[in-house]
Amino acid sequence: MGPVEVHFVGSGDAFGSGGRFQTCIAIRSSDDLFLVDCGASSLIAMRQQKIEPRDVSKILITHLHGDHFGGLPFFLLEAQLVSKRTAPLTIVGPPGLEKRLIEAMEVLFAGSSKVEPNFDVRFVELKARTPTAVDSIEVTAFPAAHFSGAPSYSLRVETKGKVFVYSGDTQWTDTLIEASAEADLFVCESYVFEKEVALHNSYRNIMEHRSRLTCKRIMLTHMSEDVLARASEVELPMAKDGLTLTL
């Protein structure tokens, strides 16, 4: 069914640790390009890495924190004012996404949410453990242990016969084992190395449960300075901005 490319546009945390852009993962197949998360710095990263925003058909959002969805106001304004987009755009995520996006647009660019774009914007709300068809892909959300004022999810995406899973931000939960079962690639947050931090995962926890994960490949992301400073001790591959993998 053809290769699927996973491009780490941004692999960083909320604070720019290691000089990395905030979370944004571009997934490209022969006839589609979509994003998983769109942190506040994502448009800058896309420009730097020569990914054309107008080619993006849909954006999947794990949760409503600025380093994961805060790039949407910029993306939508760029589509209207710069790219002159006419193709529809689908934005997929947890309940409350549309309301929070409107609020964010009004805070950042007053009046921008009231301007009718020249392209259709469709919102799709995900329910936990309910496979949802979005164009030619299927998305299944799994509950994540991470407070964001709305449900936070890990996302399992099936496209072109391949399965991509992103943990989103979450403390370790056995739901990650369920979400990533037999996946071609599991991208997993590893915010800290071994200490316990509320709402986030650690490298130590991942390694403790590594034998229970049945995914074919695992890639760590969303790493703080705590992990980056100890990279020589990390046995699993670590994402970096601009990295591309083929599934």
C-alpha atoms as a PDB file:
ATOM      1  CA  MET A   1       0.000   0.000   0.000  1.00  0.00           C
ATOM      2  CA  GLY A   2       3.032   2.236  -0.269  1.00  0.00           C
ATOM      3  CA  PRO A   3       5.387   3.696   2.313  1.00  0.00           C
ATOM      4  CA  VAL A   4       4.323   6.036   5.083  1.00  0.00           C
ATOM      5  CA  GLU A   5       6.809   8.681   6.210  1.00  0.00           C
ATOM      6  CA  VAL A   6       6.851  10.022   9.756  1.00  0.00           C
ATOM      7  CA  HIS A   7       8.625  13.373  10.009  1.00  0.00           C
ATOM      8  CA  PHE A   8       9.390  14.912  13.410  1.00  0.00           C
ATOM      9  CA  VAL A   9       8.788  18.585  12.722  1.00  0.00           C
ATOM     10  CA  GLY A  10       9.105  19.306  16.445  1.00  0.00           C
ATOM     11  CA  SER A  11      10.312  16.867  19.098  1.00  0.00           C
ATOM     12  CA  GLY A  12      10.686  19.174  22.080  1.00  0.00           C
ATOM     13  CA  ASP A  13       8.868  19.944  25.279  1.00  0.00           C
ATOM     14  CA  ALA A  14       6.963  23.100  26.211  1.00  0.00           C
ATOM     15  CA  PHE A  15      10.125  24.958  27.186  1.00  0.00           C
ATOM     16  CA  GLY A  16      12.365  24.598  24.145  1.00  0.00           C
ATOM     17  CA  SER A  17      14.735  22.195  25.880  1.00  0.00           C
ATOM     18  CA  GLY A  18      17.742  21.467  23.695  1.00  0.00           C
ATOM     19  CA  GLY A  19      16.627  24.203  21.294  1.00  0.00           C
ATOM     20  CA  ARG A  20      13.924  21.926  19.922  1.00  0.00           C
ATOM     21  CA  PHE A  21      10.593  22.960  18.444  1.00  0.00           C
ATOM     22  CA  GLN A  22       7.390  22.013  20.224  1.00  0.00           C
ATOM     23  CA  THR A  23       5.475  18.876  19.350  1.00  0.00           C
ATOM     24  CA  CYS A  24       4.467  18.443  15.725  1.00  0.00           C
ATOM     25  CA  ILE A  25       4.682  15.235  13.698  1.00  0.00           C
ATOM     26  CA  ALA A  26       3.955  15.189   9.955  1.00  0.00           C
ATOM     27  CA  ILE A  27       2.761  11.923   8.426  1.00  0.00           C
ATOM     28  CA  ARG A  28       2.953  11.629   4.651  1.00  0.00           C
ATOM     29  CA  SER A  29       1.728   8.914   2.298  1.00  0.00           C
ATOM     30  CA  SER A  30       1.449   8.839  -1.476  1.00  0.00           C
ATOM     31  CA  ASP A  31      -1.748  10.895  -1.455  1.00  0.00           C
ATOM     32  CA  ASP A  32      -1.984  12.578   1.950  1.00  0.00           C
ATOM     33  CA  LEU A  33      -0.159  14.753   4.475  1.00  0.00           C
ATOM     34  CA  PHE A  34      -1.442  15.346   7.984  1.00  0.00           C
ATOM     35  CA  LEU A  35      -0.109  16.540  11.316  1.00  0.00           C
ATOM     36  CA  VAL A  36      -0.261  14.983  14.760  1.00  0.00           C
ATOM     37  CA  ASP A  37      -0.218  17.920  17.184  1.00  0.00           C
ATOM     38  CA  CYS A  38       0.649  21.476  16.274  1.00  0.00           C
ATOM     39  CA  GLY A  39       2.549  23.227  19.054  1.00  0.00           C
ATOM     40  CA  ALA A  40       2.956  26.993  19.128  1.00  0.00           C
ATOM     41  CA  SER A  41       6.256  26.885  17.212  1.00  0.00           C
ATOM     42  CA  SER A  42       5.069  24.468  14.521  1.00  0.00           C
ATOM     43  CA  LEU A  43       4.582  26.912  11.649  1.00  0.00           C
ATOM     44  CA  ILE A  44       8.153  28.181  12.091  1.00  0.00           C
ATOM     45  CA  ALA A  45       9.452  24.599  12.116  1.00  0.00           C
ATOM     46  CA  MET A  46       7.441  23.690   9.017  1.00  0.00           C
ATOM     47  CA  ARG A  47       8.871  26.657   7.125  1.00  0.00           C
ATOM     48  CA  GLN A  48      12.404  25.754   8.186  1.00  0.00           C
ATOM     49  CA  GLN A  49      11.938  22.131   7.106  1.00  0.00           C
ATOM     50  CA  LYS A  50      10.171  23.054   3.847  1.00  0.00           C
ATOM     51  CA  ILE A  51       6.841  21.421   4.650  1.00  0.00           C
ATOM     52  CA  GLU A  52       4.128  23.332   2.831  1.00  0.00           C
ATOM     53  CA  PRO A  53       1.210  24.159   5.180  1.00  0.00           C
ATOM     54  CA  ARG A  54      -1.319  24.239   2.349  1.00  0.00           C
ATOM     55  CA  ASP A  55      -0.607  20.562   1.640  1.00  0.00           C
ATOM     56  CA  VAL A  56      -1.817  19.509   5.116  1.00  0.00           C
ATOM     57  CA  SER A  57      -5.264  17.922   4.886  1.00  0.00           C
ATOM     58  CA  LYS A  58      -5.945  17.462   8.618  1.00  0.00           C
ATOM     59  CA  ILE A  59      -4.478  18.037  12.048  1.00  0.00           C
ATOM     60  CA  LEU A  60      -4.906  15.564  14.908  1.00  0.00           C
ATOM     61  CA  ILE A  61      -4.598  16.972  18.422  1.00  0.00           C
ATOM     62  CA  THR A  62      -3.778  14.879  21.500  1.00  0.00           C
ATOM     63  CA  HIS A  63      -4.648  17.478  24.138  1.00  0.00           C
ATOM     64  CA  LEU A  64      -5.255  21.162  24.706  1.00  0.00           C
ATOM     65  CA  HIS A  65      -1.939  22.488  25.979  1.00  0.00           C
ATOM     66  CA  GLY A  66      -0.164  25.242  24.076  1.00  0.00           C
ATOM     67  CA  ASP A  67       2.850  23.139  23.109  1.00  0.00           C
ATOM     68  CA  HIS A  68       0.500  20.665  21.416  1.00  0.00           C
ATOM     69  CA  PHE A  69      -2.325  22.759  19.954  1.00  0.00           C
ATOM     70  CA  GLY A  70      -1.121  26.366  20.298  1.00  0.00           C
ATOM     71  CA  GLY A  71       0.074  26.527  16.690  1.00  0.00           C
ATOM     72  CA  LEU A  72      -3.449  26.248  15.317  1.00  0.00           C
ATOM     73  CA  PRO A  73      -4.271  30.005  15.422  1.00  0.00           C
ATOM     74  CA  PHE A  74      -1.098  30.737  13.451  1.00  0.00           C
ATOM     75  CA  PHE A  75      -1.772  27.861  11.038  1.00  0.00           C
ATOM     76  CA  LEU A  76      -5.305  29.066  10.316  1.00  0.00           C
ATOM     77  CA  LEU A  77      -4.267  32.689   9.813  1.00  0.00           C
ATOM     78  CA  GLU A  78      -1.433  31.643   7.516  1.00  0.00           C
ATOM     79  CA  ALA A  79      -3.856  29.530   5.510  1.00  0.00           C
ATOM     80  CA  GLN A  80      -6.194  32.503   5.074  1.00  0.00           C
ATOM     81  CA  LEU A  81      -3.721  35.329   4.532  1.00  0.00           C
ATOM     82  CA  VAL A  82      -0.563  33.795   3.074  1.00  0.00           C
ATOM     83  CA  SER A  83      -1.229  30.420   1.475  1.00  0.00           C
ATOM     84  CA  LYS A  84      -4.686  31.542   0.283  1.00  0.00           C
ATOM     85  CA  ARG A  85      -5.946  28.077   1.041  1.00  0.00           C
ATOM     86  CA  THR A  86      -9.104  26.853  -0.666  1.00  0.00           C
ATOM     87  CA  ALA A  87      -8.988  23.128   0.208  1.00  0.00           C
ATOM     88  CA  PRO A  88     -10.937  22.032   3.290  1.00  0.00           C
ATOM     89  CA  LEU A  89      -9.116  21.421   6.567  1.00  0.00           C
ATOM     90  CA  THR A  90     -10.173  18.905   9.200  1.00  0.00           C
ATOM     91  CA  ILE A  91      -9.148  19.405  12.823  1.00  0.00           C
ATOM     92  CA  VAL A  92      -9.509  16.343  15.034  1.00  0.00           C
ATOM     93  CA  GLY A  93      -9.185  16.146  18.790  1.00  0.00           C
ATOM     94  CA  PRO A  94     -10.785  15.899  22.206  1.00  0.00           C
ATOM     95  CA  PRO A  95     -14.157  17.357  23.190  1.00  0.00           C
ATOM     96  CA  GLY A  96     -13.889  21.098  23.707  1.00  0.00           C
ATOM     97  CA  LEU A  97     -11.247  21.617  21.023  1.00  0.00           C
ATOM     98  CA  GLU A  98     -13.276  24.014  18.874  1.00  0.00           C
ATOM     99  CA  LYS A  99     -14.235  26.223  21.833  1.00  0.00           C
ATOM    100  CA  ARG A 100     -10.681  26.370  23.180  1.00  0.00           C
ATOM    101  CA  LEU A 101      -9.321  27.163  19.721  1.00  0.00           C
ATOM    102  CA  ILE A 102     -11.730  30.080  19.316  1.00  0.00           C
ATOM    103  CA  GLU A 103     -10.712  31.389  22.730  1.00  0.00           C
ATOM    104  CA  ALA A 104      -7.030  31.083  21.858  1.00  0.00           C
ATOM    105  CA  MET A 105      -7.519  32.886  18.555  1.00  0.00           C
ATOM    106  CA  GLU A 106      -9.261  35.763  20.288  1.00  0.00           C
ATOM    107  CA  VAL A 107      -6.495  36.073  22.893  1.00  0.00           C
ATOM    108  CA  LEU A 108      -3.716  36.022  20.305  1.00  0.00           C
ATOM    109  CA  PHE A 109      -5.410  37.849  17.406  1.00  0.00           C
ATOM    110  CA  ALA A 110      -8.562  39.660  18.533  1.00  0.00           C
ATOM    111  CA  GLY A 111     -11.383  39.271  16.034  1.00  0.00           C
ATOM    112  CA  SER A 112      -9.638  36.540  14.045  1.00  0.00           C
ATOM    113  CA  SER A 113     -12.115  33.815  14.986  1.00  0.00           C
ATOM    114  CA  LYS A 114     -14.970  35.856  13.523  1.00  0.00           C
ATOM    115  CA  VAL A 115     -13.428  36.141  10.052  1.00  0.00           C
ATOM    116  CA  GLU A 116     -15.003  33.640   7.675  1.00  0.00           C
ATOM    117  CA  PRO A 117     -12.170  31.733   5.965  1.00  0.00           C
ATOM    118  CA  ASN A 118     -12.136  30.981   2.256  1.00  0.00           C
ATOM    119  CA  PHE A 119     -11.951  27.266   3.018  1.00  0.00           C
ATOM    120  CA  ASP A 120     -14.094  24.874   5.001  1.00  0.00           C
ATOM    121  CA  VAL A 121     -12.912  23.966   8.500  1.00  0.00           C
ATOM    122  CA  ARG A 122     -14.400  20.796   9.927  1.00  0.00           C
ATOM    123  CA  PHE A 123     -14.032  19.706  13.559  1.00  0.00           C
ATOM    124  CA  VAL A 124     -14.176  16.064  14.605  1.00  0.00           C
ATOM    125  CA  GLU A 125     -14.378  15.221  18.322  1.00  0.00           C
ATOM    126  CA  LEU A 126     -12.896  11.904  19.383  1.00  0.00           C
ATOM    127  CA  LYS A 127     -14.436   9.608  21.960  1.00  0.00           C
ATOM    128  CA  ALA A 128     -12.211   7.260  23.918  1.00  0.00           C
ATOM    129  CA  ARG A 129     -11.647   3.820  22.405  1.00  0.00           C
ATOM    130  CA  THR A 130     -13.958   4.595  19.481  1.00  0.00           C
ATOM    131  CA  PRO A 131     -12.318   4.137  16.051  1.00  0.00           C
ATOM    132  CA  THR A 132     -13.170   7.191  13.956  1.00  0.00           C
ATOM    133  CA  ALA A 133     -12.764   7.412  10.185  1.00  0.00           C
ATOM    134  CA  VAL A 134     -11.298  10.721   9.050  1.00  0.00           C
ATOM    135  CA  ASP A 135     -10.989  10.748   5.275  1.00  0.00           C
ATOM    136  CA  SER A 136      -8.814   7.722   4.474  1.00  0.00           C
ATOM    137  CA  ILE A 137      -7.345   7.225   7.944  1.00  0.00           C
ATOM    138  CA  GLU A 138      -8.729   5.750  11.143  1.00  0.00           C
ATOM    139  CA  VAL A 139      -8.041   7.374  14.505  1.00  0.00           C
ATOM    140  CA  THR A 140      -8.605   5.806  17.905  1.00  0.00           C
ATOM    141  CA  ALA A 141      -8.155   7.837  21.090  1.00  0.00           C
ATOM    142  CA  PHE A 142      -7.078   6.268  24.368  1.00  0.00           C
ATOM    143  CA  PRO A 143      -7.322   8.106  27.715  1.00  0.00           C
ATOM    144  CA  ALA A 144      -4.053   9.667  28.861  1.00  0.00           C
ATOM    145  CA  ALA A 145      -3.141  10.536  32.451  1.00  0.00           C
ATOM    146  CA  HIS A 146      -2.557  14.227  31.859  1.00  0.00           C
ATOM    147  CA  PHE A 147      -4.695  17.203  32.929  1.00  0.00           C
ATOM    148  CA  SER A 148      -5.385  19.810  30.230  1.00  0.00           C
ATOM    149  CA  GLY A 149      -8.862  21.095  31.056  1.00  0.00           C
ATOM    150  CA  ALA A 150     -10.356  18.609  28.586  1.00  0.00           C
ATOM    151  CA  PRO A 151      -9.812  14.910  27.907  1.00  0.00           C
ATOM    152  CA  SER A 152      -6.193  14.154  27.026  1.00  0.00           C
ATOM    153  CA  TYR A 153      -5.496  11.323  24.615  1.00  0.00           C
ATOM    154  CA  SER A 154      -2.936   8.955  23.229  1.00  0.00           C
ATOM    155  CA  LEU A 155      -3.681   8.541  19.519  1.00  0.00           C
ATOM    156  CA  ARG A 156      -3.539   5.391  17.407  1.00  0.00           C
ATOM    157  CA  VAL A 157      -3.632   6.166  13.686  1.00  0.00           C
ATOM    158  CA  GLU A 158      -4.043   3.623  10.911  1.00  0.00           C
ATOM    159  CA  THR A 159      -3.116   4.714   7.392  1.00  0.00           C
ATOM    160  CA  LYS A 160      -2.124   2.760   4.283  1.00  0.00           C
ATOM    161  CA  GLY A 161      -1.935  -0.464   6.263  1.00  0.00           C
ATOM    162  CA  LYS A 162       0.467   1.021   8.826  1.00  0.00           C
ATOM    163  CA  VAL A 163      -0.174   1.841  12.482  1.00  0.00           C
ATOM    164  CA  PHE A 164       1.335   4.926  14.115  1.00  0.00           C
ATOM    165  CA  VAL A 165       0.793   5.611  17.820  1.00  0.00           C
ATOM    166  CA  TYR A 166       1.678   8.718  19.795  1.00  0.00           C
ATOM    167  CA  SER A 167       1.390   8.659  23.579  1.00  0.00           C
ATOM    168  CA  GLY A 168       0.788  12.383  23.884  1.00  0.00           C
ATOM    169  CA  ASP A 169       1.689  13.703  27.331  1.00  0.00           C
ATOM    170  CA  THR A 170       0.892  11.208  30.075  1.00  0.00           C
ATOM    171  CA  GLN A 171       2.134   9.589  33.228  1.00  0.00           C
ATOM    172  CA  TRP A 172       2.795   5.906  32.738  1.00  0.00           C
ATOM    173  CA  THR A 173      -0.471   4.001  32.420  1.00  0.00           C
ATOM    174  CA  ASP A 174      -1.037   0.484  31.155  1.00  0.00           C
ATOM    175  CA  THR A 175      -3.347   2.046  28.575  1.00  0.00           C
ATOM    176  CA  LEU A 176      -0.155   2.766  26.616  1.00  0.00           C
ATOM    177  CA  ILE A 177       0.319  -0.979  26.204  1.00  0.00           C
ATOM    178  CA  GLU A 178      -3.192  -1.295  24.799  1.00  0.00           C
ATOM    179  CA  ALA A 179      -2.870   1.743  22.536  1.00  0.00           C
ATOM    180  CA  SER A 180       0.471   0.704  21.030  1.00  0.00           C
ATOM    181  CA  ALA A 181      -0.244  -3.016  20.583  1.00  0.00           C
ATOM    182  CA  GLU A 182       1.500  -4.334  17.433  1.00  0.00           C
ATOM    183  CA  ALA A 183       1.987  -0.783  16.132  1.00  0.00           C
ATOM    184  CA  ASP A 184       4.562  -0.189  13.420  1.00  0.00           C
ATOM    185  CA  LEU A 185       5.838   2.810  15.406  1.00  0.00           C
ATOM    186  CA  PHE A 186       5.125   3.942  18.941  1.00  0.00           C
ATOM    187  CA  VAL A 187       6.261   7.496  19.682  1.00  0.00           C
ATOM    188  CA  CYS A 188       6.387   7.823  23.455  1.00  0.00           C
ATOM    189  CA  GLU A 189       6.875  10.821  25.700  1.00  0.00           C
ATOM    190  CA  SER A 190       9.985  10.576  27.877  1.00  0.00           C
ATOM    191  CA  TYR A 191       9.943  13.898  29.677  1.00  0.00           C
ATOM    192  CA  VAL A 192      12.247  13.013  32.574  1.00  0.00           C
ATOM    193  CA  PHE A 193      14.899  10.354  33.071  1.00  0.00           C
ATOM    194  CA  GLU A 194      14.009   8.652  36.336  1.00  0.00           C
ATOM    195  CA  LYS A 195      12.365  11.043  38.770  1.00  0.00           C
ATOM    196  CA  GLU A 196       8.611  11.108  39.129  1.00  0.00           C
ATOM    197  CA  VAL A 197       6.899  14.187  37.702  1.00  0.00           C
ATOM    198  CA  ALA A 198       3.128  14.574  37.821  1.00  0.00           C
ATOM    199  CA  LEU A 199       1.329  14.199  34.476  1.00  0.00           C
ATOM    200  CA  HIS A 200       4.446  13.079  32.555  1.00  0.00           C
ATOM    201  CA  ASN A 201       6.299   9.881  31.708  1.00  0.00           C
ATOM    202  CA  SER A 202       9.876   8.927  32.525  1.00  0.00           C
ATOM    203  CA  TYR A 203      12.493   6.913  30.676  1.00  0.00           C
ATOM    204  CA  ARG A 204      12.771   4.639  33.729  1.00  0.00           C
ATOM    205  CA  ASN A 205       9.069   3.799  33.589  1.00  0.00           C
ATOM    206  CA  ILE A 206       9.234   3.054  29.867  1.00  0.00           C
ATOM    207  CA  MET A 207      12.163   0.681  30.347  1.00  0.00           C
ATOM    208  CA  GLU A 208      10.476  -1.031  33.287  1.00  0.00           C
ATOM    209  CA  HIS A 209       7.524  -1.854  31.049  1.00  0.00           C
ATOM    210  CA  ARG A 210       9.446  -2.276  27.756  1.00  0.00           C
ATOM    211  CA  SER A 211       8.987  -6.065  27.678  1.00  0.00           C
ATOM    212  CA  ARG A 212       5.196  -5.609  27.823  1.00  0.00           C
ATOM    213  CA  LEU A 213       5.105  -3.398  24.738  1.00  0.00           C
ATOM    214  CA  THR A 214       4.424  -5.297  21.516  1.00  0.00           C
ATOM    215  CA  CYS A 215       5.055  -2.417  19.102  1.00  0.00           C
ATOM    216  CA  LYS A 216       7.597  -3.049  16.336  1.00  0.00           C
ATOM    217  CA  ARG A 217       9.512   0.172  16.945  1.00  0.00           C
ATOM    218  CA  ILE A 218       9.603   2.773  19.688  1.00  0.00           C
ATOM    219  CA  MET A 219      10.877   6.349  19.514  1.00  0.00           C
ATOM    220  CA  LEU A 220      11.223   8.681  22.494  1.00  0.00           C
ATOM    221  CA  THR A 221      10.161  12.319  22.259  1.00  0.00           C
ATOM    222  CA  HIS A 222       9.178  15.393  24.345  1.00  0.00           C
ATOM    223  CA  MET A 223      12.395  15.198  26.356  1.00  0.00           C
ATOM    224  CA  SER A 224      13.443  17.785  28.930  1.00  0.00           C
ATOM    225  CA  GLU A 225      17.022  18.774  29.702  1.00  0.00           C
ATOM    226  CA  ASP A 226      16.932  16.051  32.365  1.00  0.00           C
ATOM    227  CA  VAL A 227      16.841  13.385  29.642  1.00  0.00           C
ATOM    228  CA  LEU A 228      18.911  15.182  27.013  1.00  0.00           C
ATOM    229  CA  ALA A 229      21.779  15.607  29.466  1.00  0.00           C
ATOM    230  CA  ARG A 230      21.855  11.835  29.979  1.00  0.00           C
ATOM    231  CA  ALA A 231      21.389  10.821  26.347  1.00  0.00           C
ATOM    232  CA  SER A 232      24.420   8.516  26.486  1.00  0.00           C
ATOM    233  CA  GLU A 233      22.558   6.369  29.020  1.00  0.00           C
ATOM    234  CA  VAL A 234      19.391   6.037  26.914  1.00  0.00           C
ATOM    235  CA  GLU A 235      19.069   2.683  25.126  1.00  0.00           C
ATOM    236  CA  LEU A 236      16.057   3.578  22.996  1.00  0.00           C
ATOM    237  CA  PRO A 237      16.167   5.833  19.913  1.00  0.00           C
ATOM    238  CA  MET A 238      15.439   9.494  20.578  1.00  0.00           C
ATOM    239  CA  ALA A 239      13.612  11.756  18.147  1.00  0.00           C
ATOM    240  CA  LYS A 240      15.109  15.027  16.973  1.00  0.00           C
ATOM    241  CA  ASP A 241      13.734  17.852  14.876  1.00  0.00           C
ATOM    242  CA  GLY A 242      13.815  16.973  11.172  1.00  0.00           C
ATOM    243  CA  LEU A 243      14.144  13.210  11.682  1.00  0.00           C
ATOM    244  CA  THR A 244      12.202  11.172   9.108  1.00  0.00           C
ATOM    245  CA  LEU A 245      11.298   7.502   9.482  1.00  0.00           C
ATOM    246  CA  THR A 246       9.695   5.242   6.879  1.00  0.00           C
ATOM    247  CA  LEU A 247       7.105   2.689   7.994  1.00  0.00           C
END
